[in-house]
Amino acid sequence: MNLKALVVDDSLINLRVAQKLLEHLNLEVDTALSGKECLEKVKSNSYDIIFMDIMMPEMDGVQTFQNLKSIEGFSTPVVSLTADAKTGAKERYLGLGFSDYISKPIDLKLLENIIKKFSN
C-alpha cells in the first residue's frame, strides 16, 4: 500500500524538491501552494501524512494546521517542514501539536525515518 502525502509550500521549487524526494520513497504525492488550497484538498481527499511549510503568505503553516485540527474527524499526522532551524524550533513546533519537524534543506534519511514512524 502506498502512502499518500500532501506537501504544502508557497514555493514551487520547494514543492518539486519535496515531491521528488517523497516519490523516491514510493509515496503518492499531492501538492498545495497555500494554506487555503491545503484545506480544500484535505476536505476532498484522504492523506496519510501532510508536510507543512511554516512561512507562507496569507495563512501560514501554523494557522493552516490550526484550521485543519478544527475539521471534524481530522487525525492526519502533520509534519512541519520549515527553513526555521533555530535552536528550540523543533520543540516549539512539536509544542504547537505538529507530529514531527523537518528543516530545509530536507535530509532524505530523516524524511525516511519520519515516514516509517507514521506508516505503521
C-alpha atoms as a PDB file:
ATOM      1  CA  MET A   1       0.000   0.000   0.000  1.00  0.00           C
ATOM      2  CA  ASN A   2       1.390   3.350  -0.987  1.00  0.00           C
ATOM      3  CA  LEU A   3       1.160   6.171   1.482  1.00  0.00           C
ATOM      4  CA  LYS A   4      -0.420   9.355   0.202  1.00  0.00           C
ATOM      5  CA  ALA A   5       1.279  12.601   1.207  1.00  0.00           C
ATOM      6  CA  LEU A   6       0.284  16.230   0.828  1.00  0.00           C
ATOM      7  CA  VAL A   7       3.101  18.778   0.642  1.00  0.00           C
ATOM      8  CA  VAL A   8       2.132  22.396   1.333  1.00  0.00           C
ATOM      9  CA  ASP A   9       4.596  25.131   0.365  1.00  0.00           C
ATOM     10  CA  ASP A  10       4.248  28.522  -1.327  1.00  0.00           C
ATOM     11  CA  SER A  11       7.485  27.907  -3.275  1.00  0.00           C
ATOM     12  CA  LEU A  12       7.101  25.840  -6.439  1.00  0.00           C
ATOM     13  CA  ILE A  13      10.789  24.887  -6.273  1.00  0.00           C
ATOM     14  CA  ASN A  14      10.460  23.613  -2.688  1.00  0.00           C
ATOM     15  CA  LEU A  15       7.300  21.701  -3.649  1.00  0.00           C
ATOM     16  CA  ARG A  16       9.096  19.989  -6.531  1.00  0.00           C
ATOM     17  CA  VAL A  17      12.101  19.050  -4.368  1.00  0.00           C
ATOM     18  CA  ALA A  18       9.893  17.578  -1.624  1.00  0.00           C
ATOM     19  CA  GLN A  19       7.704  15.828  -4.200  1.00  0.00           C
ATOM     20  CA  LYS A  20      10.726  14.152  -5.865  1.00  0.00           C
ATOM     21  CA  LEU A  21      12.158  13.021  -2.504  1.00  0.00           C
ATOM     22  CA  LEU A  22       8.807  11.568  -1.394  1.00  0.00           C
ATOM     23  CA  GLU A  23       8.203   9.868  -4.749  1.00  0.00           C
ATOM     24  CA  HIS A  24      11.717   8.395  -4.446  1.00  0.00           C
ATOM     25  CA  LEU A  25      10.479   6.866  -1.162  1.00  0.00           C
ATOM     26  CA  ASN A  26       7.442   5.435  -3.012  1.00  0.00           C
ATOM     27  CA  LEU A  27       4.818   7.839  -1.712  1.00  0.00           C
ATOM     28  CA  GLU A  28       1.938   9.135  -3.782  1.00  0.00           C
ATOM     29  CA  VAL A  29       2.287  12.924  -3.604  1.00  0.00           C
ATOM     30  CA  ASP A  30      -0.202  15.758  -3.905  1.00  0.00           C
ATOM     31  CA  THR A  31       0.812  19.413  -3.544  1.00  0.00           C
ATOM     32  CA  ALA A  32      -0.756  22.677  -2.412  1.00  0.00           C
ATOM     33  CA  LEU A  33       0.689  26.162  -2.892  1.00  0.00           C
ATOM     34  CA  SER A  34      -1.158  27.765   0.038  1.00  0.00           C
ATOM     35  CA  GLY A  35      -2.864  27.082   3.334  1.00  0.00           C
ATOM     36  CA  LYS A  36      -6.234  27.713   1.692  1.00  0.00           C
ATOM     37  CA  GLU A  37      -5.513  25.166  -1.051  1.00  0.00           C
ATOM     38  CA  CYS A  38      -4.354  22.690   1.606  1.00  0.00           C
ATOM     39  CA  LEU A  39      -7.658  22.999   3.488  1.00  0.00           C
ATOM     40  CA  GLU A  40      -9.636  22.496   0.275  1.00  0.00           C
ATOM     41  CA  LYS A  41      -7.623  19.390  -0.643  1.00  0.00           C
ATOM     42  CA  VAL A  42      -7.911  17.862   2.833  1.00  0.00           C
ATOM     43  CA  LYS A  43     -11.697  18.279   2.749  1.00  0.00           C
ATOM     44  CA  SER A  44     -11.965  16.326  -0.517  1.00  0.00           C
ATOM     45  CA  ASN A  45      -9.049  13.840  -0.259  1.00  0.00           C
ATOM     46  CA  SER A  46      -7.599  11.462   2.268  1.00  0.00           C
ATOM     47  CA  TYR A  47      -3.906  11.729   3.169  1.00  0.00           C
ATOM     48  CA  ASP A  48      -1.664   9.570   5.348  1.00  0.00           C
ATOM     49  CA  ILE A  49       0.742  12.409   6.139  1.00  0.00           C
ATOM     50  CA  ILE A  50       0.977  16.156   5.491  1.00  0.00           C
ATOM     51  CA  PHE A  51       4.218  18.147   5.225  1.00  0.00           C
ATOM     52  CA  MET A  52       3.507  21.789   6.052  1.00  0.00           C
ATOM     53  CA  ASP A  53       5.713  24.762   5.247  1.00  0.00           C
ATOM     54  CA  ILE A  54       5.501  27.301   8.067  1.00  0.00           C
ATOM     55  CA  MET A  55       6.320  30.617   6.401  1.00  0.00           C
ATOM     56  CA  MET A  56       3.615  31.220   3.809  1.00  0.00           C
ATOM     57  CA  PRO A  57       1.756  34.429   2.917  1.00  0.00           C
ATOM     58  CA  GLU A  58      -1.921  34.947   3.830  1.00  0.00           C
ATOM     59  CA  MET A  59      -2.259  31.857   6.042  1.00  0.00           C
ATOM     60  CA  ASP A  60       0.983  30.499   7.488  1.00  0.00           C
ATOM     61  CA  GLY A  61       1.600  26.843   8.326  1.00  0.00           C
ATOM     62  CA  VAL A  62       0.651  27.224  11.989  1.00  0.00           C
ATOM     63  CA  GLN A  63      -2.684  28.877  11.130  1.00  0.00           C
ATOM     64  CA  THR A  64      -3.337  26.260   8.447  1.00  0.00           C
ATOM     65  CA  PHE A  65      -2.565  23.495  10.959  1.00  0.00           C
ATOM     66  CA  GLN A  66      -4.967  25.012  13.499  1.00  0.00           C
ATOM     67  CA  ASN A  67      -7.668  25.150  10.800  1.00  0.00           C
ATOM     68  CA  LEU A  68      -7.001  21.506   9.895  1.00  0.00           C
ATOM     69  CA  LYS A  69      -7.453  20.467  13.527  1.00  0.00           C
ATOM     70  CA  SER A  70     -10.885  22.112  13.554  1.00  0.00           C
ATOM     71  CA  ILE A  71     -12.101  19.812  10.734  1.00  0.00           C
ATOM     72  CA  GLU A  72     -14.278  17.129  12.275  1.00  0.00           C
ATOM     73  CA  GLY A  73     -12.508  13.764  12.392  1.00  0.00           C
ATOM     74  CA  PHE A  74      -9.145  15.149  11.224  1.00  0.00           C
ATOM     75  CA  SER A  75      -6.310  12.996  12.582  1.00  0.00           C
ATOM     76  CA  THR A  76      -3.645  13.015   9.846  1.00  0.00           C
ATOM     77  CA  PRO A  77      -0.070  13.477  11.093  1.00  0.00           C
ATOM     78  CA  VAL A  78       1.183  16.953  10.128  1.00  0.00           C
ATOM     79  CA  VAL A  79       4.958  17.454   9.929  1.00  0.00           C
ATOM     80  CA  SER A  80       6.306  20.999   9.951  1.00  0.00           C
ATOM     81  CA  LEU A  81       8.652  21.486   7.016  1.00  0.00           C
ATOM     82  CA  THR A  82      10.500  24.722   7.543  1.00  0.00           C
ATOM     83  CA  ALA A  83      13.624  26.751   6.987  1.00  0.00           C
ATOM     84  CA  ASP A  84      13.321  27.727  10.677  1.00  0.00           C
ATOM     85  CA  ALA A  85      16.179  25.667  12.094  1.00  0.00           C
ATOM     86  CA  LYS A  86      16.938  27.911  15.070  1.00  0.00           C
ATOM     87  CA  THR A  87      17.600  26.328  18.438  1.00  0.00           C
ATOM     88  CA  GLY A  88      14.303  25.357  20.000  1.00  0.00           C
ATOM     89  CA  ALA A  89      12.357  25.427  16.707  1.00  0.00           C
ATOM     90  CA  LYS A  90      11.629  21.682  16.766  1.00  0.00           C
ATOM     91  CA  GLU A  91      10.384  21.865  20.363  1.00  0.00           C
ATOM     92  CA  ARG A  92       8.237  24.896  19.528  1.00  0.00           C
ATOM     93  CA  TYR A  93       6.502  23.195  16.586  1.00  0.00           C
ATOM     94  CA  LEU A  94       6.029  19.938  18.484  1.00  0.00           C
ATOM     95  CA  GLY A  95       4.602  22.031  21.340  1.00  0.00           C
ATOM     96  CA  LEU A  96       2.056  23.502  18.916  1.00  0.00           C
ATOM     97  CA  GLY A  97       0.891  19.973  18.137  1.00  0.00           C
ATOM     98  CA  PHE A  98       2.754  19.129  14.949  1.00  0.00           C
ATOM     99  CA  SER A  99       3.508  15.405  14.698  1.00  0.00           C
ATOM    100  CA  ASP A 100       7.153  15.968  13.788  1.00  0.00           C
ATOM    101  CA  TYR A 101       9.596  18.526  12.416  1.00  0.00           C
ATOM    102  CA  ILE A 102      11.986  18.570   9.481  1.00  0.00           C
ATOM    103  CA  SER A 103      14.121  21.522   8.441  1.00  0.00           C
ATOM    104  CA  LYS A 104      15.070  22.593   4.934  1.00  0.00           C
ATOM    105  CA  PRO A 105      17.071  21.565   3.057  1.00  0.00           C
ATOM    106  CA  ILE A 106      15.379  18.191   3.534  1.00  0.00           C
ATOM    107  CA  ASP A 107      17.580  15.386   4.834  1.00  0.00           C
ATOM    108  CA  LEU A 108      16.494  12.231   2.955  1.00  0.00           C
ATOM    109  CA  LYS A 109      17.386   9.871   5.828  1.00  0.00           C
ATOM    110  CA  LEU A 110      15.415  11.969   8.333  1.00  0.00           C
ATOM    111  CA  LEU A 111      12.490  12.125   5.901  1.00  0.00           C
ATOM    112  CA  GLU A 112      12.596   8.349   5.514  1.00  0.00           C
ATOM    113  CA  ASN A 113      12.600   7.876   9.314  1.00  0.00           C
ATOM    114  CA  ILE A 114       9.620  10.201   9.732  1.00  0.00           C
ATOM    115  CA  ILE A 115       7.670   8.330   7.056  1.00  0.00           C
ATOM    116  CA  LYS A 116       8.469   4.981   8.689  1.00  0.00           C
ATOM    117  CA  LYS A 117       7.318   6.355  12.046  1.00  0.00           C
ATOM    118  CA  PHE A 118       3.883   7.290  10.688  1.00  0.00           C
ATOM    119  CA  SER A 119       3.322   4.388   8.299  1.00  0.00           C
ATOM    120  CA  ASN A 120       2.740   1.768  10.988  1.00  0.00           C
END
